[in-house]
Amino acid sequence: MKGVRNDRKIRHNGLKSEMKRKDINYSIDMAMLLSFILCGITGIIKWPGLAYSLGLDYQSLNIGVITLIHDWSGLALCILSMMHVIMHRKWLVTMTRRKLRI
């Protein structure tokens, strides 16, 4: 009976670990989405000639702040993407082997 109780405890701890992993994965994915949106919007704003064609000038847009947001969100997206790949490396290897029939 004592062995069964320990087995349940191990399964329960495994479930907590899996939920924690899912929470971390969700947080990374949401941060990636936010970084992607920020980088994309600021990239479109910085597109050469776009502001001029819309009748805006770069001084009214405060391009320095836009560039800062664009650069840092792009860096964050790169780092978060690498974390995402590292978290899913086992799945990526499995799927790659399956597709290549290795």
C-alpha atoms as a PDB file:
ATOM      1  CA  MET A   1       0.000   0.000   0.000  1.00  0.00           C
ATOM      2  CA  LYS A   2       2.852   2.305   0.818  1.00  0.00           C
ATOM      3  CA  GLY A   3       4.371   1.752  -2.650  1.00  0.00           C
ATOM      4  CA  VAL A   4       1.103   2.722  -4.324  1.00  0.00           C
ATOM      5  CA  ARG A   5       0.944   5.954  -2.392  1.00  0.00           C
ATOM      6  CA  ASN A   6       4.487   6.855  -3.456  1.00  0.00           C
ATOM      7  CA  ASP A   7       3.611   6.009  -7.064  1.00  0.00           C
ATOM      8  CA  ARG A   8       0.650   8.383  -6.930  1.00  0.00           C
ATOM      9  CA  LYS A   9       2.835  11.079  -5.439  1.00  0.00           C
ATOM     10  CA  ILE A  10       5.352  10.665  -8.250  1.00  0.00           C
ATOM     11  CA  ARG A  11       2.588  10.905 -10.861  1.00  0.00           C
ATOM     12  CA  HIS A  12       1.184  13.954  -9.117  1.00  0.00           C
ATOM     13  CA  ASN A  13       4.593  15.656  -9.100  1.00  0.00           C
ATOM     14  CA  GLY A  14       4.974  14.762 -12.778  1.00  0.00           C
ATOM     15  CA  LEU A  15       1.638  16.434 -13.481  1.00  0.00           C
ATOM     16  CA  LYS A  16       2.775  19.574 -11.655  1.00  0.00           C
ATOM     17  CA  SER A  17       5.977  19.557 -13.655  1.00  0.00           C
ATOM     18  CA  GLU A  18       4.022  19.166 -16.907  1.00  0.00           C
ATOM     19  CA  MET A  19       1.678  22.027 -15.976  1.00  0.00           C
ATOM     20  CA  LYS A  20       4.642  24.219 -15.081  1.00  0.00           C
ATOM     21  CA  ARG A  21       6.219  23.388 -18.443  1.00  0.00           C
ATOM     22  CA  LYS A  22       2.964  24.251 -20.237  1.00  0.00           C
ATOM     23  CA  ASP A  23       2.779  27.560 -18.359  1.00  0.00           C
ATOM     24  CA  ILE A  24       6.355  28.391 -19.342  1.00  0.00           C
ATOM     25  CA  ASN A  25       5.663  27.425 -22.956  1.00  0.00           C
ATOM     26  CA  TYR A  26       2.517  29.585 -22.994  1.00  0.00           C
ATOM     27  CA  SER A  27       4.406  32.549 -21.530  1.00  0.00           C
ATOM     28  CA  ILE A  28       7.181  32.216 -24.116  1.00  0.00           C
ATOM     29  CA  ASP A  29       4.662  31.933 -26.950  1.00  0.00           C
ATOM     30  CA  MET A  30       2.719  35.014 -25.798  1.00  0.00           C
ATOM     31  CA  ALA A  31       5.932  37.011 -25.401  1.00  0.00           C
ATOM     32  CA  MET A  32       6.947  35.903 -28.905  1.00  0.00           C
ATOM     33  CA  LEU A  33       3.588  37.073 -30.264  1.00  0.00           C
ATOM     34  CA  LEU A  34       3.909  40.462 -28.569  1.00  0.00           C
ATOM     35  CA  SER A  35       7.484  40.873 -29.829  1.00  0.00           C
ATOM     36  CA  PHE A  36       6.404  39.879 -33.347  1.00  0.00           C
ATOM     37  CA  ILE A  37       3.564  42.406 -33.353  1.00  0.00           C
ATOM     38  CA  LEU A  38       5.758  45.225 -32.023  1.00  0.00           C
ATOM     39  CA  CYS A  39       8.581  44.461 -34.430  1.00  0.00           C
ATOM     40  CA  GLY A  40       6.189  44.135 -37.366  1.00  0.00           C
ATOM     41  CA  ILE A  41       4.276  47.354 -36.718  1.00  0.00           C
ATOM     42  CA  THR A  42       7.417  49.407 -36.108  1.00  0.00           C
ATOM     43  CA  GLY A  43       9.040  47.840 -39.176  1.00  0.00           C
ATOM     44  CA  ILE A  44       6.094  48.899 -41.321  1.00  0.00           C
ATOM     45  CA  ILE A  45       6.229  52.411 -39.857  1.00  0.00           C
ATOM     46  CA  LYS A  46       9.966  52.578 -40.617  1.00  0.00           C
ATOM     47  CA  TRP A  47       9.466  51.373 -44.198  1.00  0.00           C
ATOM     48  CA  PRO A  48      11.361  53.790 -46.462  1.00  0.00           C
ATOM     49  CA  GLY A  49       9.025  56.335 -47.990  1.00  0.00           C
ATOM     50  CA  LEU A  50       5.881  55.165 -46.175  1.00  0.00           C
ATOM     51  CA  ALA A  51       5.711  58.099 -43.761  1.00  0.00           C
ATOM     52  CA  TYR A  52       6.297  60.556 -46.597  1.00  0.00           C
ATOM     53  CA  SER A  53       3.612  58.976 -48.780  1.00  0.00           C
ATOM     54  CA  LEU A  54       1.143  59.218 -45.872  1.00  0.00           C
ATOM     55  CA  GLY A  55       2.005  62.892 -45.430  1.00  0.00           C
ATOM     56  CA  LEU A  56       3.926  62.353 -42.206  1.00  0.00           C
ATOM     57  CA  ASP A  57       7.467  63.292 -41.345  1.00  0.00           C
ATOM     58  CA  TYR A  58       9.849  61.310 -39.193  1.00  0.00           C
ATOM     59  CA  GLN A  59      10.079  64.065 -36.584  1.00  0.00           C
ATOM     60  CA  SER A  60       6.349  63.863 -35.870  1.00  0.00           C
ATOM     61  CA  LEU A  61       6.647  60.080 -35.535  1.00  0.00           C
ATOM     62  CA  ASN A  62       9.565  60.244 -33.093  1.00  0.00           C
ATOM     63  CA  ILE A  63      11.488  57.730 -35.181  1.00  0.00           C
ATOM     64  CA  GLY A  64      14.148  57.344 -32.484  1.00  0.00           C
ATOM     65  CA  VAL A  65      11.652  55.736 -30.100  1.00  0.00           C
ATOM     66  CA  ILE A  66      10.161  53.647 -32.905  1.00  0.00           C
ATOM     67  CA  THR A  67      13.634  52.417 -33.857  1.00  0.00           C
ATOM     68  CA  LEU A  68      14.396  51.578 -30.218  1.00  0.00           C
ATOM     69  CA  ILE A  69      11.164  49.571 -29.891  1.00  0.00           C
ATOM     70  CA  HIS A  70      11.824  47.861 -33.227  1.00  0.00           C
ATOM     71  CA  ASP A  71      15.388  46.871 -32.343  1.00  0.00           C
ATOM     72  CA  TRP A  72      14.625  45.580 -28.837  1.00  0.00           C
ATOM     73  CA  SER A  73      11.475  43.717 -29.857  1.00  0.00           C
ATOM     74  CA  GLY A  74      13.420  42.092 -32.699  1.00  0.00           C
ATOM     75  CA  LEU A  75      16.145  41.013 -30.294  1.00  0.00           C
ATOM     76  CA  ALA A  76      13.547  39.687 -27.846  1.00  0.00           C
ATOM     77  CA  LEU A  77      11.875  37.764 -30.669  1.00  0.00           C
ATOM     78  CA  CYS A  78      15.191  36.128 -31.599  1.00  0.00           C
ATOM     79  CA  ILE A  79      15.942  35.104 -28.019  1.00  0.00           C
ATOM     80  CA  LEU A  80      12.405  33.839 -27.387  1.00  0.00           C
ATOM     81  CA  SER A  81      12.443  31.896 -30.659  1.00  0.00           C
ATOM     82  CA  MET A  82      15.623  30.122 -29.619  1.00  0.00           C
ATOM     83  CA  MET A  83      14.073  29.298 -26.245  1.00  0.00           C
ATOM     84  CA  HIS A  84      11.017  27.944 -28.067  1.00  0.00           C
ATOM     85  CA  VAL A  85      13.160  25.729 -30.305  1.00  0.00           C
ATOM     86  CA  ILE A  86      15.142  24.466 -27.293  1.00  0.00           C
ATOM     87  CA  MET A  87      11.928  23.600 -25.435  1.00  0.00           C
ATOM     88  CA  HIS A  88      10.617  21.677 -28.459  1.00  0.00           C
ATOM     89  CA  ARG A  89      13.898  20.119 -29.583  1.00  0.00           C
ATOM     90  CA  LYS A  90      12.783  16.552 -28.906  1.00  0.00           C
ATOM     91  CA  TRP A  91       9.633  17.011 -30.996  1.00  0.00           C
ATOM     92  CA  LEU A  92      11.612  18.722 -33.766  1.00  0.00           C
ATOM     93  CA  VAL A  93      14.148  15.876 -33.924  1.00  0.00           C
ATOM     94  CA  THR A  94      11.374  13.265 -33.922  1.00  0.00           C
ATOM     95  CA  MET A  95       9.441  14.981 -36.711  1.00  0.00           C
ATOM     96  CA  THR A  96      12.584  15.592 -38.781  1.00  0.00           C
ATOM     97  CA  ARG A  97      13.536  11.934 -38.523  1.00  0.00           C
ATOM     98  CA  ARG A  98      10.012  10.902 -39.447  1.00  0.00           C
ATOM     99  CA  LYS A  99       9.953  13.201 -42.496  1.00  0.00           C
ATOM    100  CA  LEU A 100      13.400  12.082 -43.637  1.00  0.00           C
ATOM    101  CA  ARG A 101      12.563   8.452 -42.771  1.00  0.00           C
ATOM    102  CA  ILE A 102      15.738   8.018 -40.723  1.00  0.00           C
END
